[in-house]
Protein backbone atom coordinates (compact mmCIF):
# COMPACT_ATOMS: atom_id res chain seq x y z
CA UNK A 1 23.40 3.19 10.19
CA UNK A 2 24.35 0.37 7.86
CA UNK A 3 24.39 0.41 4.10
CA UNK A 4 22.69 -2.85 3.18
CA UNK A 5 23.59 -2.60 -0.51
CA UNK A 6 26.63 -4.10 -2.18
CA UNK A 7 27.92 -4.45 -5.70
CA UNK A 8 27.87 -8.23 -5.40
CA UNK A 9 24.34 -9.47 -5.06
CA UNK A 10 23.37 -12.50 -3.01
CA UNK A 11 19.82 -13.74 -2.92
CA UNK A 12 18.13 -16.10 -0.49
CA UNK A 13 14.87 -17.69 -1.64
CA UNK A 14 12.42 -19.11 0.90
CA UNK A 15 9.75 -21.58 -0.18
CA UNK A 16 6.86 -22.70 2.07
CA UNK A 17 5.37 -25.77 0.34
CA UNK A 18 2.54 -26.20 2.87
CA UNK A 19 1.81 -22.55 3.68
CA UNK A 20 -2.05 -22.71 3.52
CA UNK A 21 -2.22 -25.79 5.77
CA UNK A 22 0.31 -24.53 8.30
CA UNK A 23 -1.30 -21.10 8.37
CA UNK A 24 -4.73 -22.64 8.91
CA UNK A 25 -3.49 -25.03 11.64
CA UNK A 26 -2.21 -22.08 13.70
CA UNK A 27 -5.81 -21.19 14.64
CA UNK A 28 -7.79 -24.38 13.98
CA UNK A 29 -7.44 -27.88 15.45
CA UNK A 30 -5.97 -30.50 13.19
CA UNK A 31 -8.50 -33.06 11.89
CA UNK A 32 -7.78 -36.43 13.55
CA UNK A 33 -6.21 -38.99 11.18
CA UNK A 34 -7.49 -37.22 8.04
CA UNK A 35 -5.44 -35.70 5.23
CA UNK A 36 -6.07 -31.96 4.93
CA UNK A 37 -6.76 -30.38 1.53
CA UNK A 38 -7.82 -26.93 0.40
CA UNK A 39 -10.33 -26.79 -2.48
CA UNK A 40 -11.42 -24.03 -4.81
CA UNK A 41 -13.30 -23.74 -8.08
CA UNK A 42 -10.99 -23.80 -11.09
CA UNK A 43 -12.15 -23.91 -14.72
CA UNK A 44 -15.69 -24.80 -13.67
CA UNK A 45 -14.73 -27.67 -11.35
CA UNK A 46 -13.66 -28.04 -7.74
CA UNK A 47 -9.95 -28.80 -7.57
CA UNK A 48 -7.26 -29.04 -4.89
CA UNK A 49 -5.44 -25.74 -4.46
CA UNK A 50 -3.12 -26.99 -1.71
CA UNK A 51 -2.51 -30.04 0.47
CA UNK A 52 -0.70 -30.89 3.72
CA UNK A 53 2.05 -33.44 4.25
CA UNK A 54 -0.40 -36.25 5.08
CA UNK A 55 -2.35 -35.67 1.87
CA UNK A 56 0.86 -35.51 -0.13
CA UNK A 57 1.97 -38.86 1.36
CA UNK A 58 -1.16 -40.63 0.06
CA UNK A 59 -0.78 -39.29 -3.47
CA UNK A 60 -2.90 -36.16 -3.47
CA UNK A 61 -1.51 -33.24 -5.45
CA UNK A 62 -2.54 -29.62 -6.08
CA UNK A 63 -4.61 -29.31 -9.25
CA UNK A 64 -6.27 -32.71 -8.78
CA UNK A 65 -10.10 -32.71 -9.12
CA UNK A 66 -11.77 -32.87 -5.73
CA UNK A 67 -13.96 -35.77 -6.89
CA UNK A 68 -10.87 -37.83 -7.75
CA UNK A 69 -9.32 -37.03 -4.35
CA UNK A 70 -12.47 -38.19 -2.55
CA UNK A 71 -12.51 -41.38 -4.58
CA UNK A 72 -8.86 -42.04 -3.74
CA UNK A 73 -9.08 -41.14 -0.01
CA UNK A 74 -12.38 -41.71 1.70
CA UNK A 75 -11.66 -39.89 4.93
CA UNK A 76 -10.63 -36.42 3.77
CA UNK A 77 -10.70 -33.06 5.61
CA UNK A 78 -11.71 -30.37 3.10
CA UNK A 79 -11.30 -26.66 3.81
CA UNK A 80 -12.25 -23.82 1.40
CA UNK A 81 -9.12 -22.20 -0.02
CA UNK A 82 -8.59 -18.68 1.32
CA UNK A 83 -5.88 -16.99 -0.80
CA UNK A 84 -6.46 -13.58 0.86
CA UNK A 85 -5.59 -14.97 4.31
CA UNK A 86 -2.59 -16.81 2.85
CA UNK A 87 -1.37 -13.56 1.27
CA UNK A 88 -1.80 -11.73 4.58
CA UNK A 89 0.17 -14.43 6.41
CA UNK A 90 2.92 -14.36 3.77
CA UNK A 91 3.14 -10.60 4.17
CA UNK A 92 3.57 -11.02 7.95
CA UNK A 93 6.38 -13.49 7.32
CA UNK A 94 8.02 -11.00 4.96
CA UNK A 95 7.68 -8.28 7.59
CA UNK A 96 9.54 -10.48 10.04
CA UNK A 97 12.33 -11.12 7.52
CA UNK A 98 12.98 -7.38 7.32
CA UNK A 99 15.24 -7.90 10.37
CA UNK A 100 17.88 -9.28 7.99
CA UNK A 101 17.52 -6.88 5.06
CA UNK A 102 15.11 -4.18 3.90
CA UNK A 103 15.05 -5.78 0.44
CA UNK A 104 12.42 -8.46 0.91
CA UNK A 105 10.17 -9.38 -2.05
CA UNK A 106 6.99 -11.43 -2.03
CA UNK A 107 7.10 -14.51 -4.25
CA UNK A 108 3.38 -15.15 -4.04
CA UNK A 109 1.62 -17.31 -3.17
CA UNK A 110 4.10 -19.28 -1.06
CA UNK A 111 7.58 -17.79 -1.16
CA UNK A 112 9.89 -14.89 -0.28
CA UNK A 113 13.15 -13.66 -1.82
CA UNK A 114 15.70 -11.73 0.25
CA UNK A 115 18.61 -9.70 -1.06
CA UNK A 116 21.15 -10.38 1.71
CA UNK A 117 24.17 -8.68 0.13
CA UNK A 118 25.96 -6.93 2.97
CA UNK A 119 23.61 -8.34 5.62
CA UNK A 120 25.32 -11.67 6.34
CA UNK A 121 27.77 -10.00 8.75
CA UNK A 122 24.92 -9.53 11.21
CA UNK A 123 24.97 -13.22 12.29
CA UNK A 124 28.45 -14.25 11.30
CA UNK A 125 27.93 -15.01 7.62
CA UNK A 126 25.37 -16.58 5.29
CA UNK A 127 25.27 -19.79 7.33
CA UNK A 128 24.39 -17.78 10.46
CA UNK A 129 21.59 -15.93 8.66
CA UNK A 130 20.12 -19.17 7.30
CA UNK A 131 20.37 -20.92 10.69
CA UNK A 132 18.56 -18.00 12.35
CA UNK A 133 15.84 -18.06 9.71
CA UNK A 134 15.36 -21.82 10.09
CA UNK A 135 15.10 -21.49 13.86
CA UNK A 136 12.49 -18.74 13.73
CA UNK A 137 10.29 -20.42 11.11
CA UNK A 138 10.48 -23.70 13.01
CA UNK A 139 9.06 -21.87 16.04
CA UNK A 140 6.16 -20.73 13.83
CA UNK A 141 5.53 -24.29 12.66
CA UNK A 142 6.45 -23.52 9.06
CA UNK A 143 8.04 -26.08 6.73
CA UNK A 144 10.83 -24.30 4.87
CA UNK A 145 12.94 -24.96 1.80
CA UNK A 146 15.61 -22.38 0.98
CA UNK A 147 18.48 -21.78 -1.40
CA UNK A 148 21.10 -19.14 -2.11
CA UNK A 149 21.88 -17.88 -5.59
CA UNK A 150 23.67 -15.16 -7.53
CA UNK A 151 20.36 -13.98 -9.03
CA UNK A 152 16.82 -13.89 -7.69
CA UNK A 153 15.57 -16.28 -10.36
CA UNK A 154 18.40 -18.75 -9.70
CA UNK A 155 17.79 -18.77 -5.94
CA UNK A 156 14.06 -19.24 -6.51
CA UNK A 157 14.56 -22.12 -8.94
CA UNK A 158 17.00 -23.86 -6.58
CA UNK A 159 14.62 -23.54 -3.60
CA UNK A 160 11.69 -25.00 -5.52
CA UNK A 161 13.22 -27.52 -7.94
CA UNK A 162 16.58 -28.74 -6.63
CA UNK A 163 16.39 -32.49 -6.04
CA UNK A 164 19.86 -33.33 -4.70
CA UNK A 165 22.90 -31.38 -3.39
CA UNK A 166 25.64 -30.21 -5.70
CA UNK A 167 29.29 -29.24 -5.11
CA UNK A 168 28.63 -25.59 -5.98
CA UNK A 169 25.81 -23.24 -7.05
CA UNK A 170 26.79 -23.30 -10.74
CA UNK A 171 26.58 -27.08 -10.85
CA UNK A 172 23.28 -27.05 -8.92
CA UNK A 173 21.76 -24.60 -11.38
CA UNK A 174 22.83 -26.72 -14.38
CA UNK A 175 21.27 -29.85 -12.76
CA UNK A 176 17.86 -28.20 -12.41
CA UNK A 177 15.07 -29.69 -14.56
CA UNK A 178 13.60 -27.62 -17.38
CA UNK A 179 10.45 -27.30 -15.22
CA UNK A 180 12.41 -24.66 -13.28
CA UNK A 181 11.91 -22.33 -16.26
CA UNK A 182 8.14 -22.45 -15.48
CA UNK A 183 7.12 -22.24 -19.14
CA UNK A 184 3.77 -23.05 -20.66
CA UNK A 185 3.05 -26.78 -20.67
CA UNK A 186 3.40 -27.05 -24.47
CA UNK A 187 6.89 -25.51 -24.45
CA UNK A 188 8.02 -27.62 -21.48
CA UNK A 189 6.80 -30.81 -23.19
CA UNK A 190 8.55 -29.84 -26.41
CA UNK A 191 11.84 -29.35 -24.56
CA UNK A 192 11.65 -32.78 -22.92
CA UNK A 193 10.72 -34.50 -26.22
CA UNK A 194 13.76 -32.85 -27.80
CA UNK A 195 15.96 -34.51 -25.17
CA UNK A 196 16.64 -31.27 -23.28
CA UNK A 197 15.82 -32.25 -19.70
CA UNK A 198 18.05 -29.98 -17.58
CA UNK A 199 19.19 -26.38 -17.51
CA UNK A 200 22.68 -27.65 -18.40
CA UNK A 201 21.33 -29.24 -21.56
CA UNK A 202 19.83 -25.90 -22.61
CA UNK A 203 22.88 -23.85 -21.61
CA UNK A 204 24.96 -25.73 -24.19
CA UNK A 205 22.70 -24.66 -27.07
CA UNK A 206 22.79 -21.30 -28.91
CA UNK A 207 20.21 -18.91 -27.49
CA UNK A 208 19.04 -17.89 -30.96
CA UNK A 209 18.20 -21.50 -31.82
CA UNK A 210 16.34 -22.00 -28.54
CA UNK A 211 14.31 -18.84 -29.09
CA UNK A 212 13.46 -19.79 -32.66
CA UNK A 213 12.36 -23.33 -31.78
CA UNK A 214 10.85 -23.00 -28.30
CA UNK A 215 9.98 -19.33 -28.06
CA UNK A 216 11.57 -16.15 -26.74
CA UNK A 217 10.17 -16.80 -23.25
CA UNK A 218 12.23 -19.97 -22.91
CA UNK A 219 15.43 -18.20 -23.92
CA UNK A 220 14.79 -15.26 -21.58
CA UNK A 221 13.91 -17.51 -18.61
CA UNK A 222 17.12 -19.45 -19.17
CA UNK A 223 19.22 -16.28 -19.37
CA UNK A 224 17.69 -14.96 -16.13
CA UNK A 225 18.45 -18.17 -14.21
CA UNK A 226 22.02 -18.28 -15.59
CA UNK A 227 22.55 -14.61 -14.73
CA UNK A 228 23.01 -13.46 -18.34
CA UNK A 229 19.91 -11.20 -18.16
CA UNK A 230 18.69 -8.85 -15.43
CA UNK A 231 16.70 -10.51 -12.65
CA UNK A 232 15.47 -7.48 -10.69
CA UNK A 233 13.90 -7.77 -7.26
CA UNK A 234 10.70 -5.88 -6.45
CA UNK A 235 10.84 -5.34 -2.66
CA UNK A 236 7.58 -4.98 -0.78
CA UNK A 237 8.96 -1.88 0.96
CA UNK A 238 11.40 0.57 -0.61
CA UNK A 239 14.51 1.04 1.59
CA UNK A 240 13.99 4.30 3.51
CA UNK A 241 16.62 7.06 3.44
CA UNK A 242 16.80 7.35 7.24
CA UNK A 243 16.88 4.30 9.54
CA UNK A 244 17.76 3.86 13.22
CA UNK A 245 17.60 0.48 14.98
CA UNK A 246 18.51 -1.40 18.14
CA UNK A 247 19.22 -5.11 18.59
CA UNK A 248 19.00 -6.77 22.00
CA UNK A 249 20.86 -9.79 23.27
CA UNK A 250 18.01 -10.36 25.74
CA UNK A 251 14.51 -9.71 24.31
CA UNK A 252 12.47 -6.89 25.81
CA UNK A 253 9.34 -8.24 27.47
CA UNK A 254 7.83 -4.86 28.31
CA UNK A 255 6.01 -2.55 25.91
CA UNK A 256 6.90 0.40 28.18
CA UNK A 257 10.60 -0.38 27.82
CA UNK A 258 10.15 -0.72 24.06
CA UNK A 259 8.56 2.75 23.93
CA UNK A 260 11.60 4.21 25.74
CA UNK A 261 13.87 2.66 23.13
CA UNK A 262 11.59 4.05 20.37
CA UNK A 263 12.02 7.54 21.87
CA UNK A 264 15.82 7.13 21.72
CA UNK A 265 15.60 5.99 18.07
CA UNK A 266 13.37 8.95 17.28
CA UNK A 267 15.99 11.34 18.72
CA UNK A 268 18.68 9.70 16.56
CA UNK A 269 16.52 9.96 13.42
CA UNK A 270 15.75 13.62 14.15
CA UNK A 271 19.51 14.35 14.38
CA UNK A 272 20.02 12.68 11.01
CA UNK A 273 17.17 14.74 9.54
CA UNK A 274 18.68 17.97 10.91
CA UNK A 275 22.02 17.15 9.27
CA UNK A 276 20.25 16.68 5.96
CA UNK A 277 18.17 19.87 6.33
CA UNK A 278 15.04 17.74 6.01
CA UNK A 279 11.93 17.00 7.99
CA UNK A 280 9.97 13.76 8.21
CA UNK A 281 6.43 13.31 6.90
CA UNK A 282 6.15 9.55 7.49
CA UNK A 283 7.62 7.59 10.43
CA UNK A 284 7.45 3.79 10.62
CA UNK A 285 8.36 1.81 13.75
CA UNK A 286 8.77 -1.97 13.46
CA UNK A 287 8.93 -4.18 16.54
CA UNK A 288 10.56 -7.55 15.78
CA UNK A 289 9.59 -10.40 18.11
CA UNK A 290 11.86 -13.26 19.00
CA UNK A 291 9.42 -15.79 17.48
CA UNK A 292 10.09 -14.35 13.99
CA UNK A 293 7.01 -12.17 13.58
CA UNK A 294 7.02 -8.37 13.51
CA UNK A 295 4.55 -5.53 14.05
CA UNK A 296 4.75 -2.20 12.22
CA UNK A 297 3.14 1.02 13.44
CA UNK A 298 3.22 4.03 11.12
CA UNK A 299 2.29 7.68 11.54
CA UNK A 300 2.11 10.61 9.14
CA UNK A 301 2.19 14.37 9.49
CA UNK A 302 0.66 17.05 7.30
CA UNK A 303 3.94 19.01 7.22
CA UNK A 304 7.61 18.02 7.58
CA UNK A 305 8.75 17.95 11.19
CA UNK A 306 11.83 17.44 13.35
CA UNK A 307 9.87 17.64 16.61
CA UNK A 308 10.61 14.40 18.46
CA UNK A 309 7.94 15.23 21.05
CA UNK A 310 5.27 15.49 18.34
CA UNK A 311 6.40 12.23 16.75
CA UNK A 312 6.20 10.36 20.06
CA UNK A 313 2.78 11.86 20.85
CA UNK A 314 1.50 10.62 17.49
CA UNK A 315 2.96 7.16 18.14
CA UNK A 316 1.20 7.15 21.53
CA UNK A 317 -2.08 8.11 19.83
CA UNK A 318 -1.66 5.33 17.29
CA UNK A 319 -0.85 2.69 19.91
CA UNK A 320 -3.80 3.75 22.09
CA UNK A 321 -6.17 3.37 19.12
CA UNK A 322 -5.00 -0.08 18.05
CA UNK A 323 -7.75 -2.68 18.02
CA UNK A 324 -5.05 -5.33 18.53
CA UNK A 325 -2.65 -3.99 21.21
CA UNK A 326 1.10 -4.26 20.73
CA UNK A 327 2.01 -7.69 22.16
CA UNK A 328 5.70 -8.45 22.85
CA UNK A 329 5.01 -12.19 23.04
CA UNK A 330 8.31 -13.75 24.11
CA UNK A 331 9.95 -10.35 23.76
CA UNK A 332 11.24 -7.89 21.18
CA UNK A 333 14.80 -8.61 20.07
CA UNK A 334 14.99 -5.69 17.63
CA UNK A 335 13.29 -2.32 17.12
CA UNK A 336 13.68 -0.25 13.96
CA UNK A 337 12.51 3.27 13.17
CA UNK A 338 12.41 4.27 9.49
CA UNK A 339 11.63 7.64 7.94
CA UNK A 340 10.64 6.83 4.34
CA UNK A 341 9.32 10.26 3.38
CA UNK A 342 11.41 13.41 3.74
CA UNK A 343 10.84 17.03 2.73
CA UNK A 344 12.95 20.15 2.98
CA UNK A 345 12.70 21.96 6.32
CA UNK A 346 14.73 25.03 7.20
CA UNK A 347 16.30 25.81 10.56
CA UNK A 348 14.14 27.39 13.32
CA UNK A 349 15.05 30.81 14.65
CA UNK A 350 15.56 30.87 18.45
CA UNK A 351 14.26 33.57 20.80
CA UNK A 352 16.79 35.89 22.44
CA UNK A 353 16.02 34.55 25.91
CA UNK A 354 16.42 30.95 24.72
CA UNK A 355 14.01 28.27 23.63
CA UNK A 356 12.30 27.74 20.32
CA UNK A 357 10.56 30.69 18.71
CA UNK A 358 6.84 30.67 18.11
CA UNK A 359 6.14 29.55 14.59
CA UNK A 360 5.06 32.16 12.12
CA UNK A 361 2.42 29.83 10.75
CA UNK A 362 -0.76 30.56 12.70
CA UNK A 363 -2.24 27.21 11.67
CA UNK A 364 0.54 25.14 13.33
CA UNK A 365 -1.68 24.21 16.27
CA UNK A 366 -4.53 23.25 13.96
CA UNK A 367 -2.16 21.14 11.85
CA UNK A 368 -0.95 19.30 14.95
CA UNK A 369 -4.55 18.68 16.01
CA UNK A 370 -5.36 17.34 12.54
CA UNK A 371 -2.33 15.02 12.70
CA UNK A 372 -3.42 13.64 16.07
CA UNK A 373 -7.03 13.10 14.99
CA UNK A 374 -5.96 11.47 11.72
CA UNK A 375 -3.56 9.21 13.63
CA UNK A 376 -6.25 8.13 16.06
CA UNK A 377 -9.29 7.93 13.74
CA UNK A 378 -7.66 7.04 10.41
CA UNK A 379 -6.04 9.08 7.66
CA UNK A 380 -9.24 9.29 5.60
CA UNK A 381 -11.52 10.32 8.47
CA UNK A 382 -10.15 13.85 8.97
CA UNK A 383 -10.49 15.95 5.83
CA UNK A 384 -10.04 19.56 4.81
CA UNK A 385 -11.25 21.67 1.92
CA UNK A 386 -8.72 23.00 -0.54
CA UNK A 387 -9.55 25.59 -3.25
CA UNK A 388 -9.17 24.55 -6.86
CA UNK A 389 -8.35 26.71 -9.85
CA UNK A 390 -11.75 26.70 -11.57
CA UNK A 391 -14.81 28.98 -11.83
CA UNK A 392 -17.30 26.08 -11.75
CA UNK A 393 -18.77 26.38 -8.21
CA UNK A 394 -19.14 22.67 -7.41
CA UNK A 395 -15.55 22.07 -8.58
CA UNK A 396 -13.98 25.09 -6.86
CA UNK A 397 -12.95 23.12 -3.80
CA UNK A 398 -11.57 19.65 -3.19
CA UNK A 399 -12.12 17.51 -0.13
CA UNK A 400 -8.80 15.89 0.73
CA UNK A 401 -7.40 13.99 3.71
CA UNK A 402 -5.86 16.48 6.07
CA UNK A 403 -2.60 14.54 5.98
CA UNK A 404 -2.35 14.78 2.18
CA UNK A 405 -3.68 18.28 1.60
CA UNK A 406 -1.21 20.39 -0.42
CA UNK A 407 -0.40 24.00 0.33
CA UNK A 408 -3.79 25.62 -0.28
CA UNK A 409 -4.43 28.34 -2.80
CA UNK A 410 -5.74 31.60 -1.29
CA UNK A 411 -9.49 31.61 -0.78
CA UNK A 412 -11.37 34.44 -2.45
CA UNK A 413 -12.73 36.79 0.23
CA UNK A 414 -15.47 39.44 -0.28
CA UNK A 415 -14.65 43.10 -0.08
CA UNK A 416 -14.91 44.57 3.43
CA UNK A 417 -18.54 45.36 4.23
CA UNK A 418 -19.85 43.43 1.21
CA UNK A 419 -22.01 40.30 1.54
CA UNK A 420 -20.51 36.95 0.48
CA UNK A 421 -20.72 36.15 -3.20
CA UNK A 422 -21.03 32.41 -2.57
CA UNK A 423 -23.40 30.62 -0.13
CA UNK A 424 -22.06 28.62 2.77
CA UNK A 425 -24.16 25.60 1.76
CA UNK A 426 -24.07 24.18 -1.77
CA UNK A 427 -26.33 21.46 -3.13
CA UNK A 428 -24.47 18.69 -4.94
CA UNK A 429 -25.93 18.16 -7.44
CA UNK A 430 -27.94 21.37 -7.88
CA UNK A 431 -31.69 20.89 -7.39
CA UNK A 432 -34.13 21.67 -10.21
CA UNK A 433 -36.74 24.39 -9.63
CA UNK A 434 -39.62 25.94 -11.62
CA UNK A 435 -39.05 29.63 -12.36
CA UNK A 436 -41.30 32.39 -13.68
CA UNK A 437 -39.38 35.29 -15.27
CA UNK A 438 -40.67 38.58 -16.70
CA UNK A 439 -38.78 37.94 -19.93
CA UNK A 440 -37.29 34.62 -21.11
CA UNK A 441 -33.68 35.65 -20.54
CA UNK A 442 -34.38 37.98 -17.62
CA UNK A 443 -34.07 37.56 -13.86
CA UNK A 444 -36.42 35.22 -11.96
CA UNK A 445 -39.68 36.70 -10.63
CA UNK A 446 -40.79 33.74 -8.52
CA UNK A 447 -39.91 30.09 -8.23
CA UNK A 448 -41.22 26.84 -6.77
CA UNK A 449 -38.87 24.57 -4.83
CA UNK A 450 -39.85 21.54 -2.77
CA UNK A 451 -43.57 22.22 -3.39
CA UNK A 452 -43.31 25.77 -1.94
CA UNK A 453 -43.58 29.06 -3.87
CA UNK A 454 -41.08 31.85 -3.23
CA UNK A 455 -41.82 35.40 -4.38
CA UNK A 456 -38.61 37.25 -5.16
CA UNK A 457 -38.33 40.80 -3.76
CA UNK A 458 -34.67 41.52 -4.54
CA UNK A 459 -32.10 40.06 -6.86
CA UNK A 460 -28.51 40.62 -7.93
CA UNK A 461 -27.05 39.38 -11.17
CA UNK A 462 -26.54 37.77 -13.50
CA UNK A 463 -23.05 36.46 -12.85
CA UNK A 464 -22.17 34.59 -16.03
CA UNK A 465 -19.95 31.52 -15.74
CA UNK A 466 -19.07 29.78 -18.99
CA UNK A 467 -18.13 26.14 -19.22
CA UNK A 468 -14.44 25.28 -19.63
CA UNK A 469 -13.53 25.41 -23.28
CA UNK A 470 -12.37 21.79 -23.31
CA UNK A 471 -15.68 20.62 -21.82
CA UNK A 472 -17.67 22.84 -24.18
CA UNK A 473 -15.84 21.30 -27.11
CA UNK A 474 -16.21 17.68 -25.95
CA UNK A 475 -19.71 17.48 -24.51
CA UNK A 476 -21.44 20.76 -25.31
CA UNK A 477 -21.01 22.44 -21.89
CA UNK A 478 -23.58 25.16 -21.24
CA UNK A 479 -23.21 28.68 -19.87
CA UNK A 480 -24.68 29.46 -16.46
CA UNK A 481 -26.30 32.74 -15.36
CA UNK A 482 -26.29 32.98 -11.56
CA UNK A 483 -28.58 35.22 -9.45
CA UNK A 484 -28.47 36.00 -5.75
CA UNK A 485 -32.13 36.44 -4.77
CA UNK A 486 -34.11 37.23 -1.60
CA UNK A 487 -37.73 36.18 -1.11
CA UNK A 488 -40.53 37.92 0.79
CA UNK A 489 -39.52 36.19 4.07
CA UNK A 490 -35.94 37.43 3.78
CA UNK A 491 -34.42 34.08 2.82
CA UNK A 492 -31.59 34.29 0.31
CA UNK A 493 -30.87 31.74 -2.42
CA UNK A 494 -28.40 31.21 -5.23
CA UNK A 495 -30.17 30.31 -8.49
CA UNK A 496 -28.87 29.80 -12.02
CA UNK A 497 -30.22 29.25 -15.49
CA UNK A 498 -28.35 26.42 -17.19
CA UNK A 499 -27.77 27.52 -20.76
CA UNK A 500 -28.44 30.55 -22.93
CA UNK A 501 -31.35 30.60 -25.35
CA UNK A 502 -28.95 30.47 -28.30
CA UNK A 503 -27.34 27.34 -26.75
CA UNK A 504 -30.54 25.53 -25.78
CA UNK A 505 -34.19 26.20 -26.70
CA UNK A 506 -35.55 25.61 -23.18
CA UNK A 507 -32.91 26.19 -20.48
CA UNK A 508 -33.63 24.72 -17.02
CA UNK A 509 -33.31 26.56 -13.69
CA UNK A 510 -31.62 25.19 -10.60
CA UNK A 511 -31.01 26.20 -7.01
CA UNK A 512 -27.35 25.74 -6.20
CA UNK A 513 -27.08 27.01 -2.64
CA UNK A 514 -28.65 28.73 0.37
CA UNK A 515 -27.11 31.75 2.12
CA UNK A 516 -27.00 31.74 5.92
């Protein structure tokens, strides 16, 4: 496994100037002989959000009013701007760039930044990495501008604002226009009027003077581009602690062969986990296609595991449930398995006659079933109840995804031979009823619920449950007196009076549950 981090940082910025148009043209036919523009409502008027190369050639620019664009170009193809689809496409491009480094950051809406420190050896140096990136994006039909830099902000500014080549990166950064600082329009105009047109012009001035005259944002943006202030990268995916991967000189054209390689990577990751004394809770397999795109399939488990058979069964469940099946396209040239979430897991005792011992946890089979169902149906579809530390009945249990459920607290069980103290079915919220009692604060004598009268023959109670002190203080929480009652037909109910007579002049009654 390779350590992709290095003390010396090197950043590669990728800029896609026509991303909306090139993303849209992948699935839609190009309008014949008509410039393509994307319009959206901005500040109460329809304006151009993006254009293609043909529209740019005839003088159309993003931000231009749509009415002016129509007046300038009569034959114009107009498409509604779809930033959500553009963001999804940019995320897919970032996923494909993970083949070079796990530190890939989105520079929305039309760029990516890669930390390639330590990764350039994969393809024979920075030039090899850049050539491979250019080749793959050309296959996708994407126009690309790119630049290397010692900081993320410097690389980004060079990719977007560099007008002509320079002998070295330092000279190129100093030649950048002040627009590369991306300040507010008033500050940028003030810089130009003061005769400061390039980053080099600003770099020769004292930072304190710049901050005093043009604002602290201008000074900080300049320091970040020059590398005098931190320029941190926010990767879309945090580098996982355990990674296993395979690269192939000849792409794999078969999903079955790719699954065999995934099984081998799983075995390697399990060995690494065993050495660490850990188990995996989250496994993420990424299949990199030779055209530059990638597909990620992730699974989770309710408990840490080092069972490679279980992991592969869950991957099989996930792949079988995909609405869009795993497509190798022109082949997979790399497969990576990452384990981003680890938890402590002790060694398993073996039986004397050999083989793994049966787990002491009697719910292991149920946990595995919950993992498989959650993998197939979705993590939020399979849920379990977990007890909570409260006496309020409707808050005494939480409904959580089975994958995320913590170690449950012990459920309160009735004494042997005693009936249950809580009904199996609770109403949420409790339903109001009309009650007749012998005395105002006494037990109920009869009640009407859903237009039917119930005469009470037996009762047990009251069980007094006070509101939490912090709720009582904040919103006047009321005390509840609960009764377990049985009517003349033998049906059993759980009723309560909401409030004492010294807390409320006319407390209401509610039915909270029905016993089986």
